[in-house]
Amino acid sequence: MKTISRNRIVMLMAGVITLTASMMAHSAQTAALIDDFSASDNTSYGLPRQFINDAMAGGATQDKHTLTNGIMQVTGTITPPRGQPGWSSTVVPLAEMGKFIDASVYQGIQLRVRITQGSLSVSANSQDITNFDYHAAPIVVKADGKFHDVTIPFTSMKRAWSEQTPLNTSNLNSLSIVAYSLQPAAFDYEIDDVRFY
């Protein structure tokens, strides 16, 4: 019976480890892109985008979504429900309903965005949160007619009215890009790219 030398076994194991690490790095690199808006209905993960607003909570917000050359434009007018903020949300799913992804290898969210008017935030929606008060951060850019790359670390994202708990990035099911206002207001923004970094 032919025996394999110890050095050969070590070399084979090293090769397997290198190949596995390379495949994992490639997978993480591919998964970092969430949506480049190149498809009319689906994200880069192959899941359909969802659009909801405060009409479900008694508001009268109107919004319109158009997709042109890989850029999504969202325009509308916020009319808040009585005693609550008004909002229009573009939900970017990361997994099918009831499932999630592990984004703990990343540091945060990066967006390429142009805001013409209105206030905008992004939330990372963890399955740990059951009252819809997801971890969010404002998207702040100059209204100068140019696209800006915005980097939002997960550690900067906070809950609005609930206890400040750490964001669990190991079970995210979606991101939400939200136009919001406490009073009637118009909004107009464009998104070119959303990814983890």
C-alpha atoms as a PDB file:
ATOM      1  CA  MET A   1       0.000   0.000   0.000  1.00  0.00           C
ATOM      2  CA  LYS A   2       1.317   3.391  -0.965  1.00  0.00           C
ATOM      3  CA  THR A   3       1.589   5.881   1.902  1.00  0.00           C
ATOM      4  CA  ILE A   4       1.329   9.642   1.542  1.00  0.00           C
ATOM      5  CA  SER A   5       4.064  11.612   3.192  1.00  0.00           C
ATOM      6  CA  ARG A   6       3.243  14.059   5.977  1.00  0.00           C
ATOM      7  CA  ASN A   7       4.522  16.983   3.861  1.00  0.00           C
ATOM      8  CA  ARG A   8       2.213  16.017   1.013  1.00  0.00           C
ATOM      9  CA  ILE A   9      -0.793  15.871   3.373  1.00  0.00           C
ATOM     10  CA  VAL A  10       0.091  19.317   4.759  1.00  0.00           C
ATOM     11  CA  MET A  11       0.393  20.699   1.215  1.00  0.00           C
ATOM     12  CA  LEU A  12      -2.972  19.188   0.210  1.00  0.00           C
ATOM     13  CA  MET A  13      -4.652  20.634   3.310  1.00  0.00           C
ATOM     14  CA  ALA A  14      -3.120  24.042   2.647  1.00  0.00           C
ATOM     15  CA  GLY A  15      -4.454  23.912  -0.904  1.00  0.00           C
ATOM     16  CA  VAL A  16      -7.954  23.046   0.286  1.00  0.00           C
ATOM     17  CA  ILE A  17      -7.865  25.878   2.870  1.00  0.00           C
ATOM     18  CA  THR A  18      -6.653  28.379   0.260  1.00  0.00           C
ATOM     19  CA  LEU A  19      -9.356  27.317  -2.206  1.00  0.00           C
ATOM     20  CA  THR A  20     -12.064  27.527   0.474  1.00  0.00           C
ATOM     21  CA  ALA A  21     -10.899  30.991   1.586  1.00  0.00           C
ATOM     22  CA  SER A  22     -10.841  32.157  -2.024  1.00  0.00           C
ATOM     23  CA  MET A  23     -14.383  30.872  -2.610  1.00  0.00           C
ATOM     24  CA  MET A  24     -15.616  32.539   0.597  1.00  0.00           C
ATOM     25  CA  ALA A  25     -13.990  35.851  -0.356  1.00  0.00           C
ATOM     26  CA  HIS A  26     -15.580  35.685  -3.795  1.00  0.00           C
ATOM     27  CA  SER A  27     -18.963  34.877  -2.252  1.00  0.00           C
ATOM     28  CA  ALA A  28     -18.697  37.804   0.197  1.00  0.00           C
ATOM     29  CA  GLN A  29     -17.656  40.134  -2.608  1.00  0.00           C
ATOM     30  CA  THR A  30     -20.649  39.090  -4.709  1.00  0.00           C
ATOM     31  CA  ALA A  31     -23.056  39.359  -1.765  1.00  0.00           C
ATOM     32  CA  ALA A  32     -21.858  42.889  -0.905  1.00  0.00           C
ATOM     33  CA  LEU A  33     -23.858  44.355  -3.804  1.00  0.00           C
ATOM     34  CA  ILE A  34     -27.480  44.546  -2.669  1.00  0.00           C
ATOM     35  CA  ASP A  35     -29.063  46.478  -5.531  1.00  0.00           C
ATOM     36  CA  ASP A  36     -27.671  48.364  -8.521  1.00  0.00           C
ATOM     37  CA  PHE A  37     -31.192  48.942  -9.913  1.00  0.00           C
ATOM     38  CA  SER A  38     -30.311  47.370 -13.248  1.00  0.00           C
ATOM     39  CA  ALA A  39     -33.397  45.105 -13.131  1.00  0.00           C
ATOM     40  CA  SER A  40     -36.856  46.616 -13.381  1.00  0.00           C
ATOM     41  CA  ASP A  41     -38.446  44.799 -10.417  1.00  0.00           C
ATOM     42  CA  ASN A  42     -35.828  42.763  -8.555  1.00  0.00           C
ATOM     43  CA  THR A  43     -32.790  43.550  -6.448  1.00  0.00           C
ATOM     44  CA  SER A  44     -29.337  42.168  -7.253  1.00  0.00           C
ATOM     45  CA  TYR A  45     -30.281  39.325  -4.849  1.00  0.00           C
ATOM     46  CA  GLY A  46     -33.127  38.437  -7.263  1.00  0.00           C
ATOM     47  CA  LEU A  47     -35.898  39.489  -4.856  1.00  0.00           C
ATOM     48  CA  PRO A  48     -38.700  41.949  -5.699  1.00  0.00           C
ATOM     49  CA  ARG A  49     -38.458  45.463  -4.255  1.00  0.00           C
ATOM     50  CA  GLN A  50     -41.403  46.564  -2.139  1.00  0.00           C
ATOM     51  CA  PHE A  51     -42.922  50.028  -1.771  1.00  0.00           C
ATOM     52  CA  ILE A  52     -45.061  51.004   1.221  1.00  0.00           C
ATOM     53  CA  ASN A  53     -46.102  54.288   2.812  1.00  0.00           C
ATOM     54  CA  ASP A  54     -48.046  55.696   5.738  1.00  0.00           C
ATOM     55  CA  ALA A  55     -51.429  55.058   4.066  1.00  0.00           C
ATOM     56  CA  MET A  56     -51.449  51.806   6.038  1.00  0.00           C
ATOM     57  CA  ALA A  57     -51.301  53.910   9.245  1.00  0.00           C
ATOM     58  CA  GLY A  58     -53.890  56.525   8.291  1.00  0.00           C
ATOM     59  CA  GLY A  59     -51.669  58.899   6.320  1.00  0.00           C
ATOM     60  CA  ALA A  60     -52.194  60.149   2.788  1.00  0.00           C
ATOM     61  CA  THR A  61     -48.661  60.099   1.409  1.00  0.00           C
ATOM     62  CA  GLN A  62     -48.383  59.722  -2.367  1.00  0.00           C
ATOM     63  CA  ASP A  63     -45.238  58.361  -4.036  1.00  0.00           C
ATOM     64  CA  LYS A  64     -44.022  57.409  -7.498  1.00  0.00           C
ATOM     65  CA  HIS A  65     -41.122  55.099  -8.379  1.00  0.00           C
ATOM     66  CA  THR A  66     -39.360  55.142 -11.750  1.00  0.00           C
ATOM     67  CA  LEU A  67     -36.330  53.223 -12.946  1.00  0.00           C
ATOM     68  CA  THR A  68     -34.133  54.583 -15.740  1.00  0.00           C
ATOM     69  CA  ASN A  69     -30.643  53.400 -16.746  1.00  0.00           C
ATOM     70  CA  GLY A  70     -29.940  51.721 -13.406  1.00  0.00           C
ATOM     71  CA  ILE A  71     -31.161  54.641 -11.274  1.00  0.00           C
ATOM     72  CA  MET A  72     -34.312  54.549  -9.183  1.00  0.00           C
ATOM     73  CA  GLN A  73     -36.055  57.885  -8.643  1.00  0.00           C
ATOM     74  CA  VAL A  74     -38.680  58.244  -5.928  1.00  0.00           C
ATOM     75  CA  THR A  75     -40.837  61.369  -5.798  1.00  0.00           C
ATOM     76  CA  GLY A  76     -43.974  62.320  -3.929  1.00  0.00           C
ATOM     77  CA  THR A  77     -45.688  64.295  -1.213  1.00  0.00           C
ATOM     78  CA  ILE A  78     -45.825  63.281   2.421  1.00  0.00           C
ATOM     79  CA  THR A  79     -49.120  63.847   4.229  1.00  0.00           C
ATOM     80  CA  PRO A  80     -48.620  62.388   7.711  1.00  0.00           C
ATOM     81  CA  PRO A  81     -51.248  60.637   9.796  1.00  0.00           C
ATOM     82  CA  ARG A  82     -52.476  62.750  12.692  1.00  0.00           C
ATOM     83  CA  GLY A  83     -49.889  62.947  15.483  1.00  0.00           C
ATOM     84  CA  GLN A  84     -47.329  60.775  13.658  1.00  0.00           C
ATOM     85  CA  PRO A  85     -44.526  61.262  11.164  1.00  0.00           C
ATOM     86  CA  GLY A  86     -45.324  60.592   7.521  1.00  0.00           C
ATOM     87  CA  TRP A  87     -43.179  58.310   5.393  1.00  0.00           C
ATOM     88  CA  SER A  88     -42.608  56.567   2.096  1.00  0.00           C
ATOM     89  CA  SER A  89     -40.419  53.462   2.191  1.00  0.00           C
ATOM     90  CA  THR A  90     -38.543  51.527  -0.476  1.00  0.00           C
ATOM     91  CA  VAL A  91     -37.887  48.085   0.999  1.00  0.00           C
ATOM     92  CA  VAL A  92     -34.902  46.197  -0.435  1.00  0.00           C
ATOM     93  CA  PRO A  93     -35.250  42.533   0.623  1.00  0.00           C
ATOM     94  CA  LEU A  94     -32.130  40.561   1.488  1.00  0.00           C
ATOM     95  CA  ALA A  95     -33.888  37.202   1.841  1.00  0.00           C
ATOM     96  CA  GLU A  96     -37.264  35.606   1.216  1.00  0.00           C
ATOM     97  CA  MET A  97     -40.085  36.256   3.680  1.00  0.00           C
ATOM     98  CA  GLY A  98     -39.299  34.674   7.052  1.00  0.00           C
ATOM     99  CA  LYS A  99     -35.617  34.143   6.170  1.00  0.00           C
ATOM    100  CA  PHE A 100     -32.499  36.246   6.706  1.00  0.00           C
ATOM    101  CA  ILE A 101     -28.857  36.686   5.787  1.00  0.00           C
ATOM    102  CA  ASP A 102     -25.762  37.028   7.952  1.00  0.00           C
ATOM    103  CA  ALA A 103     -24.133  40.410   7.223  1.00  0.00           C
ATOM    104  CA  SER A 104     -21.806  40.325  10.234  1.00  0.00           C
ATOM    105  CA  VAL A 105     -18.731  40.182   7.968  1.00  0.00           C
ATOM    106  CA  TYR A 106     -19.529  43.766   6.871  1.00  0.00           C
ATOM    107  CA  GLN A 107     -19.125  47.083   8.681  1.00  0.00           C
ATOM    108  CA  GLY A 108     -22.150  48.910   7.318  1.00  0.00           C
ATOM    109  CA  ILE A 109     -24.164  50.147   4.352  1.00  0.00           C
ATOM    110  CA  GLN A 110     -22.979  52.276   1.438  1.00  0.00           C
ATOM    111  CA  LEU A 111     -25.351  54.129  -0.893  1.00  0.00           C
ATOM    112  CA  ARG A 112     -24.871  56.271  -3.967  1.00  0.00           C
ATOM    113  CA  VAL A 113     -27.640  58.846  -3.702  1.00  0.00           C
ATOM    114  CA  ARG A 114     -28.838  62.215  -4.954  1.00  0.00           C
ATOM    115  CA  ILE A 115     -31.410  64.104  -2.862  1.00  0.00           C
ATOM    116  CA  THR A 116     -33.211  66.999  -4.543  1.00  0.00           C
ATOM    117  CA  GLN A 117     -35.574  67.647  -1.631  1.00  0.00           C
ATOM    118  CA  GLY A 118     -36.822  66.039   1.543  1.00  0.00           C
ATOM    119  CA  SER A 119     -35.336  64.037   4.401  1.00  0.00           C
ATOM    120  CA  LEU A 120     -34.084  60.486   3.944  1.00  0.00           C
ATOM    121  CA  SER A 121     -32.951  57.648   6.200  1.00  0.00           C
ATOM    122  CA  VAL A 122     -31.884  54.028   5.832  1.00  0.00           C
ATOM    123  CA  SER A 123     -32.724  51.193   8.211  1.00  0.00           C
ATOM    124  CA  ALA A 124     -31.251  47.723   8.636  1.00  0.00           C
ATOM    125  CA  ASN A 125     -34.149  45.421   9.466  1.00  0.00           C
ATOM    126  CA  SER A 126     -33.210  42.634  11.850  1.00  0.00           C
ATOM    127  CA  GLN A 127     -35.495  39.754  12.749  1.00  0.00           C
ATOM    128  CA  ASP A 128     -34.763  40.584  16.396  1.00  0.00           C
ATOM    129  CA  ILE A 129     -36.969  43.688  16.128  1.00  0.00           C
ATOM    130  CA  THR A 130     -40.700  43.002  16.379  1.00  0.00           C
ATOM    131  CA  ASN A 131     -42.165  46.521  16.813  1.00  0.00           C
ATOM    132  CA  PHE A 132     -40.911  48.010  13.495  1.00  0.00           C
ATOM    133  CA  ASP A 133     -38.514  50.384  15.339  1.00  0.00           C
ATOM    134  CA  TYR A 134     -35.558  49.189  13.284  1.00  0.00           C
ATOM    135  CA  HIS A 135     -31.999  50.494  13.572  1.00  0.00           C
ATOM    136  CA  ALA A 136     -31.759  53.527  11.275  1.00  0.00           C
ATOM    137  CA  ALA A 137     -29.548  56.483  10.399  1.00  0.00           C
ATOM    138  CA  PRO A 138     -30.189  59.674   8.419  1.00  0.00           C
ATOM    139  CA  ILE A 139     -28.785  60.008   4.911  1.00  0.00           C
ATOM    140  CA  VAL A 140     -27.265  63.482   4.807  1.00  0.00           C
ATOM    141  CA  VAL A 141     -26.011  64.930   1.507  1.00  0.00           C
ATOM    142  CA  LYS A 142     -25.981  68.347  -0.126  1.00  0.00           C
ATOM    143  CA  ALA A 143     -28.884  69.085  -2.458  1.00  0.00           C
ATOM    144  CA  ASP A 144     -26.438  70.128  -5.192  1.00  0.00           C
ATOM    145  CA  GLY A 145     -27.735  68.005  -8.077  1.00  0.00           C
ATOM    146  CA  LYS A 146     -24.849  65.521  -7.749  1.00  0.00           C
ATOM    147  CA  PHE A 147     -24.657  61.914  -6.644  1.00  0.00           C
ATOM    148  CA  HIS A 148     -22.846  61.324  -3.371  1.00  0.00           C
ATOM    149  CA  ASP A 149     -21.423  58.140  -1.847  1.00  0.00           C
ATOM    150  CA  VAL A 150     -22.736  57.823   1.699  1.00  0.00           C
ATOM    151  CA  THR A 151     -21.194  55.381   4.169  1.00  0.00           C
ATOM    152  CA  ILE A 152     -23.248  54.406   7.218  1.00  0.00           C
ATOM    153  CA  PRO A 153     -21.550  52.174   9.811  1.00  0.00           C
ATOM    154  CA  PHE A 154     -23.842  49.651  11.479  1.00  0.00           C
ATOM    155  CA  THR A 155     -22.649  51.019  14.837  1.00  0.00           C
ATOM    156  CA  SER A 156     -24.148  54.447  14.034  1.00  0.00           C
ATOM    157  CA  MET A 157     -27.659  53.080  13.479  1.00  0.00           C
ATOM    158  CA  LYS A 158     -30.112  53.665  16.347  1.00  0.00           C
ATOM    159  CA  ARG A 159     -33.714  52.873  17.209  1.00  0.00           C
ATOM    160  CA  ALA A 160     -36.078  55.866  17.416  1.00  0.00           C
ATOM    161  CA  TRP A 161     -38.353  55.162  20.389  1.00  0.00           C
ATOM    162  CA  SER A 162     -37.333  51.798  21.823  1.00  0.00           C
ATOM    163  CA  GLU A 163     -34.532  50.701  24.112  1.00  0.00           C
ATOM    164  CA  GLN A 164     -31.153  51.144  22.412  1.00  0.00           C
ATOM    165  CA  THR A 165     -30.103  47.583  21.716  1.00  0.00           C
ATOM    166  CA  PRO A 166     -27.138  46.598  19.521  1.00  0.00           C
ATOM    167  CA  LEU A 167     -28.003  45.846  15.898  1.00  0.00           C
ATOM    168  CA  ASN A 168     -27.782  42.117  15.250  1.00  0.00           C
ATOM    169  CA  THR A 169     -26.302  41.986  11.748  1.00  0.00           C
ATOM    170  CA  SER A 170     -26.349  38.187  11.688  1.00  0.00           C
ATOM    171  CA  ASN A 171     -30.086  38.054  10.915  1.00  0.00           C
ATOM    172  CA  LEU A 172     -31.003  40.906   8.556  1.00  0.00           C
ATOM    173  CA  ASN A 173     -33.953  40.355   6.227  1.00  0.00           C
ATOM    174  CA  SER A 174     -34.154  43.745   4.458  1.00  0.00           C
ATOM    175  CA  LEU A 175     -33.029  47.349   4.217  1.00  0.00           C
ATOM    176  CA  SER A 176     -35.448  50.271   3.957  1.00  0.00           C
ATOM    177  CA  ILE A 177     -34.773  53.634   2.321  1.00  0.00           C
ATOM    178  CA  VAL A 178     -37.305  56.034   3.820  1.00  0.00           C
ATOM    179  CA  ALA A 179     -38.409  59.573   2.943  1.00  0.00           C
ATOM    180  CA  TYR A 180     -40.001  61.079   6.063  1.00  0.00           C
ATOM    181  CA  SER A 181     -41.441  64.296   7.496  1.00  0.00           C
ATOM    182  CA  LEU A 182     -43.387  65.443  10.554  1.00  0.00           C
ATOM    183  CA  GLN A 183     -45.525  67.734   8.383  1.00  0.00           C
ATOM    184  CA  PRO A 184     -46.719  67.826   4.754  1.00  0.00           C
ATOM    185  CA  ALA A 185     -43.676  68.004   2.477  1.00  0.00           C
ATOM    186  CA  ALA A 186     -42.499  67.056  -0.997  1.00  0.00           C
ATOM    187  CA  PHE A 187     -39.581  64.669  -1.549  1.00  0.00           C
ATOM    188  CA  ASP A 188     -37.438  63.710  -4.525  1.00  0.00           C
ATOM    189  CA  TYR A 189     -34.409  61.426  -4.414  1.00  0.00           C
ATOM    190  CA  GLU A 190     -32.473  59.036  -6.642  1.00  0.00           C
ATOM    191  CA  ILE A 191     -30.564  55.884  -5.706  1.00  0.00           C
ATOM    192  CA  ASP A 192     -27.872  54.461  -7.968  1.00  0.00           C
ATOM    193  CA  ASP A 193     -26.385  51.728  -5.805  1.00  0.00           C
ATOM    194  CA  VAL A 194     -26.846  50.049  -2.391  1.00  0.00           C
ATOM    195  CA  ARG A 195     -24.234  47.679  -0.953  1.00  0.00           C
ATOM    196  CA  PHE A 196     -22.600  46.411   2.206  1.00  0.00           C
ATOM    197  CA  TYR A 197     -19.006  47.415   2.866  1.00  0.00           C
END
